[in-house]
PDB file of N, CA and C in Angstrom:
ATOM      1  N   MET A   1      -6.837  -4.908  -5.696  1.00  0.00           N
ATOM      2  CA  MET A   1      -7.765  -5.375  -6.696  1.00  0.00           C
ATOM      3  C   MET A   1      -9.005  -5.965  -6.035  1.00  0.00           C
ATOM      4  N   LYS A   2      -8.850  -6.588  -4.874  1.00  0.00           N
ATOM      5  CA  LYS A   2      -9.998  -7.155  -4.179  1.00  0.00           C
ATOM      6  C   LYS A   2     -11.012  -6.064  -3.860  1.00  0.00           C
ATOM      7  N   THR A   3     -10.528  -4.878  -3.454  1.00  0.00           N
ATOM      8  CA  THR A   3     -11.414  -3.755  -3.173  1.00  0.00           C
ATOM      9  C   THR A   3     -12.137  -3.330  -4.438  1.00  0.00           C
ATOM     10  N   LEU A   4     -11.446  -3.301  -5.560  1.00  0.00           N
ATOM     11  CA  LEU A   4     -12.037  -2.927  -6.837  1.00  0.00           C
ATOM     12  C   LEU A   4     -13.163  -3.883  -7.198  1.00  0.00           C
ATOM     13  N   VAL A   5     -12.932  -5.158  -7.073  1.00  0.00           N
ATOM     14  CA  VAL A   5     -13.951  -6.140  -7.425  1.00  0.00           C
ATOM     15  C   VAL A   5     -15.133  -6.047  -6.467  1.00  0.00           C
ATOM     16  N   SER A   6     -14.871  -5.855  -5.188  1.00  0.00           N
ATOM     17  CA  SER A   6     -15.961  -5.695  -4.218  1.00  0.00           C
ATOM     18  C   SER A   6     -16.814  -4.482  -4.564  1.00  0.00           C
ATOM     19  N   ALA A   7     -16.173  -3.382  -4.931  1.00  0.00           N
ATOM     20  CA  ALA A   7     -16.902  -2.174  -5.311  1.00  0.00           C
ATOM     21  C   ALA A   7     -17.725  -2.416  -6.567  1.00  0.00           C
ATOM     22  N   LEU A   8     -17.156  -3.144  -7.513  1.00  0.00           N
ATOM     23  CA  LEU A   8     -17.859  -3.458  -8.749  1.00  0.00           C
ATOM     24  C   LEU A   8     -19.130  -4.230  -8.454  1.00  0.00           C
ATOM     25  N   PHE A   9     -19.055  -5.218  -7.581  1.00  0.00           N
ATOM     26  CA  PHE A   9     -20.220  -6.029  -7.289  1.00  0.00           C
ATOM     27  C   PHE A   9     -21.250  -5.264  -6.467  1.00  0.00           C
ATOM     28  N   ALA A  10     -20.818  -4.372  -5.602  1.00  0.00           N
ATOM     29  CA  ALA A  10     -21.756  -3.549  -4.843  1.00  0.00           C
ATOM     30  C   ALA A  10     -22.544  -2.648  -5.801  1.00  0.00           C
ATOM     31  N   LEU A  11     -21.857  -2.066  -6.761  1.00  0.00           N
ATOM     32  CA  LEU A  11     -22.531  -1.230  -7.755  1.00  0.00           C
ATOM     33  C   LEU A  11     -23.449  -2.065  -8.626  1.00  0.00           C
ATOM     34  N   THR A  12     -23.041  -3.266  -8.934  1.00  0.00           N
ATOM     35  CA  THR A  12     -23.821  -4.146  -9.794  1.00  0.00           C
ATOM     36  C   THR A  12     -25.175  -4.445  -9.200  1.00  0.00           C
ATOM     37  N   ILE A  13     -25.200  -4.714  -7.926  1.00  0.00           N
ATOM     38  CA  ILE A  13     -26.462  -5.045  -7.260  1.00  0.00           C
ATOM     39  C   ILE A  13     -27.447  -3.896  -7.391  1.00  0.00           C
ATOM     40  N   SER A  14     -26.960  -2.671  -7.306  1.00  0.00           N
ATOM     41  CA  SER A  14     -27.856  -1.519  -7.356  1.00  0.00           C
ATOM     42  C   SER A  14     -28.386  -1.221  -8.751  1.00  0.00           C
ATOM     43  N   VAL A  15     -27.693  -1.672  -9.801  1.00  0.00           N
ATOM     44  CA  VAL A  15     -28.159  -1.360 -11.150  1.00  0.00           C
ATOM     45  C   VAL A  15     -28.399  -2.593 -12.014  1.00  0.00           C
ATOM     46  N   ALA A  16     -28.360  -3.769 -11.442  1.00  0.00           N
ATOM     47  CA  ALA A  16     -28.491  -5.002 -12.222  1.00  0.00           C
ATOM     48  C   ALA A  16     -29.764  -5.032 -13.052  1.00  0.00           C
ATOM     49  N   ALA A  17     -30.821  -4.482 -12.535  1.00  0.00           N
ATOM     50  CA  ALA A  17     -32.091  -4.525 -13.247  1.00  0.00           C
ATOM     51  C   ALA A  17     -32.079  -3.699 -14.525  1.00  0.00           C
ATOM     52  N   THR A  18     -31.138  -2.791 -14.670  1.00  0.00           N
ATOM     53  CA  THR A  18     -31.108  -1.935 -15.851  1.00  0.00           C
ATOM     54  C   THR A  18     -30.366  -2.558 -17.019  1.00  0.00           C
ATOM     55  N   LEU A  19     -29.653  -3.655 -16.805  1.00  0.00           N
ATOM     56  CA  LEU A  19     -28.887  -4.284 -17.874  1.00  0.00           C
ATOM     57  C   LEU A  19     -29.739  -5.311 -18.603  1.00  0.00           C
ATOM     58  N   PRO A  20     -29.633  -5.390 -19.919  1.00  0.00           N
ATOM     59  CA  PRO A  20     -30.415  -6.375 -20.652  1.00  0.00           C
ATOM     60  C   PRO A  20     -29.949  -7.792 -20.347  1.00  0.00           C
ATOM     61  N   ALA A  21     -30.878  -8.741 -20.349  1.00  0.00           N
ATOM     62  CA  ALA A  21     -30.537 -10.130 -20.041  1.00  0.00           C
ATOM     63  C   ALA A  21     -29.528 -10.677 -21.042  1.00  0.00           C
ATOM     64  N   SER A  22     -29.563 -10.214 -22.285  1.00  0.00           N
ATOM     65  CA  SER A  22     -28.646 -10.716 -23.297  1.00  0.00           C
ATOM     66  C   SER A  22     -27.207 -10.289 -23.058  1.00  0.00           C
ATOM     67  N   ALA A  23     -26.977  -9.373 -22.103  1.00  0.00           N
ATOM     68  CA  ALA A  23     -25.624  -8.895 -21.836  1.00  0.00           C
ATOM     69  C   ALA A  23     -24.774  -9.955 -21.146  1.00  0.00           C
ATOM     70  N   ALA A  24     -25.408 -11.007 -20.608  1.00  0.00           N
ATOM     71  CA  ALA A  24     -24.679 -12.037 -19.872  1.00  0.00           C
ATOM     72  C   ALA A  24     -24.077 -13.067 -20.816  1.00  0.00           C
ATOM     73  N   THR A  25     -23.230 -12.619 -21.711  1.00  0.00           N
ATOM     74  CA  THR A  25     -22.554 -13.512 -22.635  1.00  0.00           C
ATOM     75  C   THR A  25     -21.085 -13.583 -22.256  1.00  0.00           C
ATOM     76  N   THR A  26     -20.393 -14.540 -22.833  1.00  0.00           N
ATOM     77  CA  THR A  26     -18.968 -14.668 -22.560  1.00  0.00           C
ATOM     78  C   THR A  26     -18.222 -13.523 -23.232  1.00  0.00           C
ATOM     79  N   PRO A  27     -17.452 -12.756 -22.465  1.00  0.00           N
ATOM     80  CA  PRO A  27     -16.705 -11.639 -23.045  1.00  0.00           C
ATOM     81  C   PRO A  27     -15.630 -12.135 -24.013  1.00  0.00           C
ATOM     82  N   PRO A  28     -15.294 -11.319 -24.996  1.00  0.00           N
ATOM     83  CA  PRO A  28     -14.257 -11.719 -25.937  1.00  0.00           C
ATOM     84  C   PRO A  28     -12.874 -11.640 -25.297  1.00  0.00           C
ATOM     85  N   VAL A  29     -11.943 -12.400 -25.855  1.00  0.00           N
ATOM     86  CA  VAL A  29     -10.545 -12.334 -25.423  1.00  0.00           C
ATOM     87  C   VAL A  29      -9.852 -11.312 -26.311  1.00  0.00           C
ATOM     88  N   TYR A  30      -9.080 -10.451 -25.702  1.00  0.00           N
ATOM     89  CA  TYR A  30      -8.337  -9.418 -26.430  1.00  0.00           C
ATOM     90  C   TYR A  30      -7.496 -10.073 -27.536  1.00  0.00           C
ATOM     91  N   PRO A  31      -7.525  -9.518 -28.752  1.00  0.00           N
ATOM     92  CA  PRO A  31      -6.776 -10.107 -29.872  1.00  0.00           C
ATOM     93  C   PRO A  31      -5.269 -10.221 -29.573  1.00  0.00           C
ATOM     94  N   GLY A  32      -4.745 -11.391 -29.804  1.00  0.00           N
ATOM     95  CA  GLY A  32      -3.314 -11.629 -29.598  1.00  0.00           C
ATOM     96  C   GLY A  32      -2.938 -12.018 -28.185  1.00  0.00           C
ATOM     97  N   ALA A  33      -3.877 -11.896 -27.237  1.00  0.00           N
ATOM     98  CA  ALA A  33      -3.586 -12.311 -25.858  1.00  0.00           C
ATOM     99  C   ALA A  33      -3.496 -13.831 -25.824  1.00  0.00           C
ATOM    100  N   VAL A  34      -2.590 -14.334 -25.015  1.00  0.00           N
ATOM    101  CA  VAL A  34      -2.411 -15.781 -24.910  1.00  0.00           C
ATOM    102  C   VAL A  34      -2.727 -16.249 -23.494  1.00  0.00           C
ATOM    103  N   ALA A  35      -3.266 -17.454 -23.412  1.00  0.00           N
ATOM    104  CA  ALA A  35      -3.586 -18.036 -22.110  1.00  0.00           C
ATOM    105  C   ALA A  35      -2.311 -18.208 -21.300  1.00  0.00           C
ATOM    106  N   THR A  36      -2.413 -17.971 -20.003  1.00  0.00           N
ATOM    107  CA  THR A  36      -1.267 -18.084 -19.118  1.00  0.00           C
ATOM    108  C   THR A  36      -1.737 -18.437 -17.716  1.00  0.00           C
ATOM    109  N   THR A  37      -0.786 -18.682 -16.857  1.00  0.00           N
ATOM    110  CA  THR A  37      -1.087 -18.890 -15.447  1.00  0.00           C
ATOM    111  C   THR A  37      -1.100 -17.527 -14.776  1.00  0.00           C
ATOM    112  N   ARG A  38      -2.099 -17.277 -13.951  1.00  0.00           N
ATOM    113  CA  ARG A  38      -2.229 -15.982 -13.288  1.00  0.00           C
ATOM    114  C   ARG A  38      -1.139 -15.822 -12.231  1.00  0.00           C
ATOM    115  N   PRO A  39      -0.304 -14.765 -12.349  1.00  0.00           N
ATOM    116  CA  PRO A  39       0.690 -14.499 -11.308  1.00  0.00           C
ATOM    117  C   PRO A  39       0.008 -14.087 -10.003  1.00  0.00           C
ATOM    118  N   ALA A  40       0.658 -14.333  -8.899  1.00  0.00           N
ATOM    119  CA  ALA A  40       0.093 -14.003  -7.580  1.00  0.00           C
ATOM    120  C   ALA A  40      -0.237 -12.516  -7.450  1.00  0.00           C
ATOM    121  N   GLY A  41       0.457 -11.641  -8.157  1.00  0.00           N
ATOM    122  CA  GLY A  41       0.228 -10.203  -8.059  1.00  0.00           C
ATOM    123  C   GLY A  41      -0.905  -9.685  -8.927  1.00  0.00           C
ATOM    124  N   VAL A  42      -1.619 -10.565  -9.593  1.00  0.00           N
ATOM    125  CA  VAL A  42      -2.694 -10.155 -10.495  1.00  0.00           C
ATOM    126  C   VAL A  42      -4.041 -10.591  -9.946  1.00  0.00           C
ATOM    127  N   GLY A  43      -4.954  -9.632  -9.836  1.00  0.00           N
ATOM    128  CA  GLY A  43      -6.326  -9.936  -9.446  1.00  0.00           C
ATOM    129  C   GLY A  43      -6.485 -10.419  -8.028  1.00  0.00           C
ATOM    130  N   LEU A  44      -7.546 -11.157  -7.844  1.00  0.00           N
ATOM    131  CA  LEU A  44      -7.881 -11.692  -6.533  1.00  0.00           C
ATOM    132  C   LEU A  44      -6.908 -12.790  -6.115  1.00  0.00           C
ATOM    133  N   LYS A  45      -6.846 -13.028  -4.818  1.00  0.00           N
ATOM    134  CA  LYS A  45      -5.992 -14.115  -4.333  1.00  0.00           C
ATOM    135  C   LYS A  45      -6.485 -15.461  -4.831  1.00  0.00           C
ATOM    136  N   ALA A  46      -7.787 -15.634  -4.922  1.00  0.00           N
ATOM    137  CA  ALA A  46      -8.353 -16.908  -5.361  1.00  0.00           C
ATOM    138  C   ALA A  46      -9.593 -16.656  -6.220  1.00  0.00           C
ATOM    139  N   PRO A  47      -9.400 -16.333  -7.511  1.00  0.00           N
ATOM    140  CA  PRO A  47     -10.568 -16.142  -8.369  1.00  0.00           C
ATOM    141  C   PRO A  47     -11.280 -17.481  -8.558  1.00  0.00           C
ATOM    142  N   PRO A  48     -12.518 -17.458  -9.013  1.00  0.00           N
ATOM    143  CA  PRO A  48     -13.230 -18.718  -9.256  1.00  0.00           C
ATOM    144  C   PRO A  48     -12.402 -19.643 -10.153  1.00  0.00           C
ATOM    145  N   ALA A  49     -12.510 -20.929  -9.895  1.00  0.00           N
ATOM    146  CA  ALA A  49     -11.714 -21.927 -10.625  1.00  0.00           C
ATOM    147  C   ALA A  49     -11.936 -21.880 -12.129  1.00  0.00           C
ATOM    148  N   SER A  50     -13.113 -21.463 -12.556  1.00  0.00           N
ATOM    149  CA  SER A  50     -13.404 -21.416 -13.984  1.00  0.00           C
ATOM    150  C   SER A  50     -12.835 -20.176 -14.678  1.00  0.00           C
ATOM    151  N   SER A  51     -12.229 -19.272 -13.931  1.00  0.00           N
ATOM    152  CA  SER A  51     -11.642 -18.062 -14.522  1.00  0.00           C
ATOM    153  C   SER A  51     -10.465 -18.423 -15.418  1.00  0.00           C
ATOM    154  N   LYS A  52     -10.305 -17.649 -16.464  1.00  0.00           N
ATOM    155  CA  LYS A  52      -9.197 -17.837 -17.414  1.00  0.00           C
ATOM    156  C   LYS A  52      -8.340 -16.576 -17.399  1.00  0.00           C
ATOM    157  N   THR A  53      -7.028 -16.751 -17.482  1.00  0.00           N
ATOM    158  CA  THR A  53      -6.095 -15.628 -17.479  1.00  0.00           C
ATOM    159  C   THR A  53      -5.356 -15.583 -18.808  1.00  0.00           C
ATOM    160  N   TYR A  54      -5.205 -14.368 -19.316  1.00  0.00           N
ATOM    161  CA  TYR A  54      -4.510 -14.133 -20.574  1.00  0.00           C
ATOM    162  C   TYR A  54      -3.495 -13.012 -20.355  1.00  0.00           C
ATOM    163  N   VAL A  55      -2.497 -12.961 -21.233  1.00  0.00           N
ATOM    164  CA  VAL A  55      -1.477 -11.914 -21.138  1.00  0.00           C
ATOM    165  C   VAL A  55      -1.171 -11.386 -22.532  1.00  0.00           C
ATOM    166  N   THR A  56      -0.843 -10.095 -22.579  1.00  0.00           N
ATOM    167  CA  THR A  56      -0.450  -9.446 -23.824  1.00  0.00           C
ATOM    168  C   THR A  56       0.649  -8.437 -23.520  1.00  0.00           C
ATOM    169  N   PRO A  57       1.540  -8.207 -24.476  1.00  0.00           N
ATOM    170  CA  PRO A  57       2.542  -7.152 -24.281  1.00  0.00           C
ATOM    171  C   PRO A  57       1.973  -5.764 -24.544  1.00  0.00           C
ATOM    172  N   ASP A  58       0.752  -5.680 -25.074  1.00  0.00           N
ATOM    173  CA  ASP A  58       0.140  -4.385 -25.355  1.00  0.00           C
ATOM    174  C   ASP A  58      -0.094  -3.619 -24.055  1.00  0.00           C
ATOM    175  N   SER A  59      -0.129  -2.314 -24.152  1.00  0.00           N
ATOM    176  CA  SER A  59      -0.271  -1.468 -22.963  1.00  0.00           C
ATOM    177  C   SER A  59      -1.634  -1.638 -22.304  1.00  0.00           C
ATOM    178  N   PHE A  60      -1.660  -1.358 -21.014  1.00  0.00           N
ATOM    179  CA  PHE A  60      -2.908  -1.387 -20.248  1.00  0.00           C
ATOM    180  C   PHE A  60      -3.942  -0.470 -20.900  1.00  0.00           C
ATOM    181  N   ALA A  61      -3.528   0.746 -21.265  1.00  0.00           N
ATOM    182  CA  ALA A  61      -4.454   1.716 -21.854  1.00  0.00           C
ATOM    183  C   ALA A  61      -5.069   1.179 -23.144  1.00  0.00           C
ATOM    184  N   THR A  62      -4.274   0.547 -23.982  1.00  0.00           N
ATOM    185  CA  THR A  62      -4.766  -0.005 -25.246  1.00  0.00           C
ATOM    186  C   THR A  62      -5.786  -1.111 -24.998  1.00  0.00           C
ATOM    187  N   VAL A  63      -5.480  -2.007 -24.071  1.00  0.00           N
ATOM    188  CA  VAL A  63      -6.381  -3.122 -23.765  1.00  0.00           C
ATOM    189  C   VAL A  63      -7.678  -2.596 -23.148  1.00  0.00           C
ATOM    190  N   LYS A  64      -7.561  -1.653 -22.247  1.00  0.00           N
ATOM    191  CA  LYS A  64      -8.742  -1.074 -21.600  1.00  0.00           C
ATOM    192  C   LYS A  64      -9.670  -0.427 -22.627  1.00  0.00           C
ATOM    193  N   VAL A  65      -9.119   0.365 -23.527  1.00  0.00           N
ATOM    194  CA  VAL A  65      -9.914   1.019 -24.564  1.00  0.00           C
ATOM    195  C   VAL A  65     -10.593  -0.034 -25.451  1.00  0.00           C
ATOM    196  N   TRP A  66      -9.874  -1.112 -25.776  1.00  0.00           N
ATOM    197  CA  TRP A  66     -10.447  -2.170 -26.606  1.00  0.00           C
ATOM    198  C   TRP A  66     -11.651  -2.799 -25.898  1.00  0.00           C
ATOM    199  N   TYR A  67     -11.508  -3.102 -24.608  1.00  0.00           N
ATOM    200  CA  TYR A  67     -12.623  -3.699 -23.877  1.00  0.00           C
ATOM    201  C   TYR A  67     -13.797  -2.732 -23.746  1.00  0.00           C
ATOM    202  N   LYS A  68     -13.525  -1.462 -23.541  1.00  0.00           N
ATOM    203  CA  LYS A  68     -14.620  -0.483 -23.479  1.00  0.00           C
ATOM    204  C   LYS A  68     -15.423  -0.502 -24.782  1.00  0.00           C
ATOM    205  N   ALA A  69     -14.725  -0.612 -25.902  1.00  0.00           N
ATOM    206  CA  ALA A  69     -15.384  -0.622 -27.207  1.00  0.00           C
ATOM    207  C   ALA A  69     -16.108  -1.938 -27.485  1.00  0.00           C
ATOM    208  N   HIS A  70     -15.621  -3.038 -26.930  1.00  0.00           N
ATOM    209  CA  HIS A  70     -16.180  -4.354 -27.232  1.00  0.00           C
ATOM    210  C   HIS A  70     -17.123  -4.906 -26.154  1.00  0.00           C
ATOM    211  N   LEU A  71     -17.343  -4.147 -25.098  1.00  0.00           N
ATOM    212  CA  LEU A  71     -18.278  -4.556 -24.044  1.00  0.00           C
ATOM    213  C   LEU A  71     -19.322  -3.466 -23.820  1.00  0.00           C
ATOM    214  N   PRO A  72     -20.102  -3.141 -24.855  1.00  0.00           N
ATOM    215  CA  PRO A  72     -21.097  -2.078 -24.695  1.00  0.00           C
ATOM    216  C   PRO A  72     -22.097  -2.444 -23.604  1.00  0.00           C
ATOM    217  N   GLY A  73     -22.402  -1.497 -22.759  1.00  0.00           N
ATOM    218  CA  GLY A  73     -23.349  -1.721 -21.680  1.00  0.00           C
ATOM    219  C   GLY A  73     -22.751  -2.359 -20.440  1.00  0.00           C
ATOM    220  N   ALA A  74     -21.477  -2.742 -20.500  1.00  0.00           N
ATOM    221  CA  ALA A  74     -20.841  -3.347 -19.324  1.00  0.00           C
ATOM    222  C   ALA A  74     -20.586  -2.279 -18.272  1.00  0.00           C
ATOM    223  N   MET A  75     -20.742  -2.663 -17.022  1.00  0.00           N
ATOM    224  CA  MET A  75     -20.456  -1.754 -15.918  1.00  0.00           C
ATOM    225  C   MET A  75     -18.939  -1.762 -15.689  1.00  0.00           C
ATOM    226  N   GLU A  76     -18.360  -0.581 -15.544  1.00  0.00           N
ATOM    227  CA  GLU A  76     -16.925  -0.452 -15.329  1.00  0.00           C
ATOM    228  C   GLU A  76     -16.671   0.076 -13.925  1.00  0.00           C
ATOM    229  N   ALA A  77     -15.643  -0.460 -13.277  1.00  0.00           N
ATOM    230  CA  ALA A  77     -15.282   0.015 -11.937  1.00  0.00           C
ATOM    231  C   ALA A  77     -13.768   0.104 -11.822  1.00  0.00           C
ATOM    232  N   GLN A  78     -13.321   1.228 -11.312  1.00  0.00           N
ATOM    233  CA  GLN A  78     -11.899   1.442 -11.079  1.00  0.00           C
ATOM    234  C   GLN A  78     -11.698   1.814  -9.627  1.00  0.00           C
ATOM    235  N   GLN A  79     -10.611   1.345  -9.071  1.00  0.00           N
ATOM    236  CA  GLN A  79     -10.255   1.713  -7.708  1.00  0.00           C
ATOM    237  C   GLN A  79      -9.561   3.069  -7.760  1.00  0.00           C
ATOM    238  N   PRO A  80      -9.993   4.048  -6.952  1.00  0.00           N
ATOM    239  CA  PRO A  80      -9.347   5.360  -6.971  1.00  0.00           C
ATOM    240  C   PRO A  80      -7.838   5.250  -6.783  1.00  0.00           C
ATOM    241  N   GLY A  81      -7.122   5.974  -7.637  1.00  0.00           N
ATOM    242  CA  GLY A  81      -5.668   5.959  -7.587  1.00  0.00           C
ATOM    243  C   GLY A  81      -5.032   4.850  -8.399  1.00  0.00           C
ATOM    244  N   MET A  82      -5.844   3.930  -8.922  1.00  0.00           N
ATOM    245  CA  MET A  82      -5.316   2.799  -9.686  1.00  0.00           C
ATOM    246  C   MET A  82      -5.770   2.830 -11.152  1.00  0.00           C
ATOM    247  N   GLU A  83      -6.302   3.965 -11.593  1.00  0.00           N
ATOM    248  CA  GLU A  83      -6.895   4.074 -12.921  1.00  0.00           C
ATOM    249  C   GLU A  83      -5.940   3.723 -14.059  1.00  0.00           C
ATOM    250  N   LYS A  84      -4.644   3.892 -13.844  1.00  0.00           N
ATOM    251  CA  LYS A  84      -3.674   3.637 -14.908  1.00  0.00           C
ATOM    252  C   LYS A  84      -3.112   2.220 -14.884  1.00  0.00           C
ATOM    253  N   THR A  85      -3.541   1.405 -13.912  1.00  0.00           N
ATOM    254  CA  THR A  85      -2.974   0.063 -13.818  1.00  0.00           C
ATOM    255  C   THR A  85      -3.993  -1.069 -13.696  1.00  0.00           C
ATOM    256  N   GLU A  86      -5.233  -0.776 -13.345  1.00  0.00           N
ATOM    257  CA  GLU A  86      -6.224  -1.844 -13.259  1.00  0.00           C
ATOM    258  C   GLU A  86      -7.634  -1.316 -13.467  1.00  0.00           C
ATOM    259  N   ASP A  87      -8.473  -2.194 -13.995  1.00  0.00           N
ATOM    260  CA  ASP A  87      -9.858  -1.853 -14.276  1.00  0.00           C
ATOM    261  C   ASP A  87     -10.649  -3.155 -14.308  1.00  0.00           C
ATOM    262  N   ALA A  88     -11.956  -3.053 -14.155  1.00  0.00           N
ATOM    263  CA  ALA A  88     -12.808  -4.235 -14.209  1.00  0.00           C
ATOM    264  C   ALA A  88     -14.121  -3.883 -14.884  1.00  0.00           C
ATOM    265  N   PHE A  89     -14.661  -4.837 -15.613  1.00  0.00           N
ATOM    266  CA  PHE A  89     -15.925  -4.674 -16.317  1.00  0.00           C
ATOM    267  C   PHE A  89     -16.833  -5.841 -15.941  1.00  0.00           C
ATOM    268  N   LEU A  90     -18.105  -5.567 -15.721  1.00  0.00           N
ATOM    269  CA  LEU A  90     -19.084  -6.615 -15.469  1.00  0.00           C
ATOM    270  C   LEU A  90     -20.014  -6.681 -16.667  1.00  0.00           C
ATOM    271  N   VAL A  91     -20.093  -7.853 -17.273  1.00  0.00           N
ATOM    272  CA  VAL A  91     -20.983  -8.098 -18.394  1.00  0.00           C
ATOM    273  C   VAL A  91     -22.151  -8.899 -17.846  1.00  0.00           C
ATOM    274  N   GLY A  92     -23.343  -8.353 -17.914  1.00  0.00           N
ATOM    275  CA  GLY A  92     -24.517  -9.024 -17.364  1.00  0.00           C
ATOM    276  C   GLY A  92     -24.761  -8.571 -15.938  1.00  0.00           C
ATOM    277  N   THR A  93     -25.210  -9.512 -15.092  1.00  0.00           N
ATOM    278  CA  THR A  93     -25.535  -9.188 -13.712  1.00  0.00           C
ATOM    279  C   THR A  93     -24.617  -9.935 -12.754  1.00  0.00           C
ATOM    280  N   ALA A  94     -24.643  -9.537 -11.498  1.00  0.00           N
ATOM    281  CA  ALA A  94     -23.788 -10.168 -10.500  1.00  0.00           C
ATOM    282  C   ALA A  94     -24.105 -11.646 -10.344  1.00  0.00           C
ATOM    283  N   SER A  95     -25.350 -12.026 -10.562  1.00  0.00           N
ATOM    284  CA  SER A  95     -25.719 -13.427 -10.369  1.00  0.00           C
ATOM    285  C   SER A  95     -25.465 -14.301 -11.591  1.00  0.00           C
ATOM    286  N   SER A  96     -25.427 -13.709 -12.783  1.00  0.00           N
ATOM    287  CA  SER A  96     -25.263 -14.532 -13.976  1.00  0.00           C
ATOM    288  C   SER A  96     -24.275 -13.966 -14.984  1.00  0.00           C
ATOM    289  N   GLY A  97     -23.520 -12.970 -14.595  1.00  0.00           N
ATOM    290  CA  GLY A  97     -22.626 -12.307 -15.530  1.00  0.00           C
ATOM    291  C   GLY A  97     -21.204 -12.839 -15.507  1.00  0.00           C
ATOM    292  N   MET A  98     -20.353 -12.096 -16.163  1.00  0.00           N
ATOM    293  CA  MET A  98     -18.923 -12.396 -16.223  1.00  0.00           C
ATOM    294  C   MET A  98     -18.161 -11.106 -15.938  1.00  0.00           C
ATOM    295  N   VAL A  99     -17.008 -11.250 -15.305  1.00  0.00           N
ATOM    296  CA  VAL A  99     -16.149 -10.118 -14.994  1.00  0.00           C
ATOM    297  C   VAL A  99     -14.898 -10.200 -15.862  1.00  0.00           C
ATOM    298  N   VAL A 100     -14.482  -9.061 -16.383  1.00  0.00           N
ATOM    299  CA  VAL A 100     -13.212  -8.942 -17.095  1.00  0.00           C
ATOM    300  C   VAL A 100     -12.355  -7.995 -16.272  1.00  0.00           C
ATOM    301  N   MET A 101     -11.267  -8.504 -15.732  1.00  0.00           N
ATOM    302  CA  MET A 101     -10.320  -7.667 -14.994  1.00  0.00           C
ATOM    303  C   MET A 101      -9.097  -7.466 -15.880  1.00  0.00           C
ATOM    304  N   VAL A 102      -8.676  -6.231 -16.011  1.00  0.00           N
ATOM    305  CA  VAL A 102      -7.505  -5.879 -16.810  1.00  0.00           C
ATOM    306  C   VAL A 102      -6.517  -5.229 -15.859  1.00  0.00           C
ATOM    307  N   GLN A 103      -5.288  -5.731 -15.862  1.00  0.00           N
ATOM    308  CA  GLN A 103      -4.294  -5.199 -14.926  1.00  0.00           C
ATOM    309  C   GLN A 103      -2.905  -5.183 -15.550  1.00  0.00           C
ATOM    310  N   SER A 104      -2.223  -4.071 -15.351  1.00  0.00           N
ATOM    311  CA  SER A 104      -0.826  -3.951 -15.738  1.00  0.00           C
ATOM    312  C   SER A 104       0.022  -4.526 -14.610  1.00  0.00           C
ATOM    313  N   TYR A 105       0.939  -5.429 -14.961  1.00  0.00           N
ATOM    314  CA  TYR A 105       1.775  -6.061 -13.944  1.00  0.00           C
ATOM    315  C   TYR A 105       3.095  -6.468 -14.565  1.00  0.00           C
ATOM    316  N   GLN A 106       4.167  -5.963 -14.017  1.00  0.00           N
ATOM    317  CA  GLN A 106       5.530  -6.280 -14.448  1.00  0.00           C
ATOM    318  C   GLN A 106       5.730  -6.134 -15.953  1.00  0.00           C
ATOM    319  N   GLY A 107       5.247  -5.006 -16.498  1.00  0.00           N
ATOM    320  CA  GLY A 107       5.481  -4.679 -17.899  1.00  0.00           C
ATOM    321  C   GLY A 107       4.572  -5.375 -18.898  1.00  0.00           C
ATOM    322  N   LYS A 108       3.598  -6.145 -18.423  1.00  0.00           N
ATOM    323  CA  LYS A 108       2.652  -6.818 -19.298  1.00  0.00           C
ATOM    324  C   LYS A 108       1.233  -6.474 -18.854  1.00  0.00           C
ATOM    325  N   THR A 109       0.272  -6.757 -19.702  1.00  0.00           N
ATOM    326  CA  THR A 109      -1.119  -6.553 -19.335  1.00  0.00           C
ATOM    327  C   THR A 109      -1.804  -7.905 -19.224  1.00  0.00           C
ATOM    328  N   TYR A 110      -2.384  -8.146 -18.061  1.00  0.00           N
ATOM    329  CA  TYR A 110      -3.093  -9.406 -17.779  1.00  0.00           C
ATOM    330  C   TYR A 110      -4.581  -9.171 -17.846  1.00  0.00           C
ATOM    331  N   ILE A 111      -5.291 -10.165 -18.338  1.00  0.00           N
ATOM    332  CA  ILE A 111      -6.741 -10.129 -18.450  1.00  0.00           C
ATOM    333  C   ILE A 111      -7.263 -11.385 -17.764  1.00  0.00           C
ATOM    334  N   VAL A 112      -8.129 -11.220 -16.773  1.00  0.00           N
ATOM    335  CA  VAL A 112      -8.737 -12.351 -16.098  1.00  0.00           C
ATOM    336  C   VAL A 112     -10.232 -12.287 -16.386  1.00  0.00           C
ATOM    337  N   ILE A 113     -10.766 -13.354 -16.971  1.00  0.00           N
ATOM    338  CA  ILE A 113     -12.175 -13.417 -17.334  1.00  0.00           C
ATOM    339  C   ILE A 113     -12.816 -14.576 -16.577  1.00  0.00           C
ATOM    340  N   GLY A 114     -13.883 -14.270 -15.855  1.00  0.00           N
ATOM    341  CA  GLY A 114     -14.567 -15.329 -15.126  1.00  0.00           C
ATOM    342  C   GLY A 114     -15.823 -14.828 -14.462  1.00  0.00           C
ATOM    343  N   PRO A 115     -16.502 -15.731 -13.776  1.00  0.00           N
ATOM    344  CA  PRO A 115     -17.729 -15.338 -13.064  1.00  0.00           C
ATOM    345  C   PRO A 115     -17.407 -14.459 -11.876  1.00  0.00           C
ATOM    346  N   PRO A 116     -18.385 -13.680 -11.421  1.00  0.00           N
ATOM    347  CA  PRO A 116     -18.177 -12.880 -10.214  1.00  0.00           C
ATOM    348  C   PRO A 116     -17.802 -13.784  -9.034  1.00  0.00           C
ATOM    349  N   ALA A 117     -16.910 -13.302  -8.204  1.00  0.00           N
ATOM    350  CA  ALA A 117     -16.478 -14.095  -7.047  1.00  0.00           C
ATOM    351  C   ALA A 117     -17.475 -13.996  -5.915  1.00  0.00           C
TER     352      ALA A 117
END
């Protein structure tokens, strides 16, 4: 996942100027997802302290499609070979945006929302 996030931010720098300034809003939380403690196997080893983690029993594919529909204009990045288990979206720019990481882990789907690391 660290590679995925690094790739996302590298792409962000190259296209940040094309995103509208209003895109840097707080992303929505997937309906029915509940706040939880981030398991060690989800996301970065140490996401920013202000990041929030949520969990849902809904499938990764369902959550991913929901975020695609609810984050218009967000940059999406997937790590090759991991398309069915993790994805990340950048809302806004690398300097002022928010990242939504969606990951399937141990039969649940985790969502980590926070500033770029």
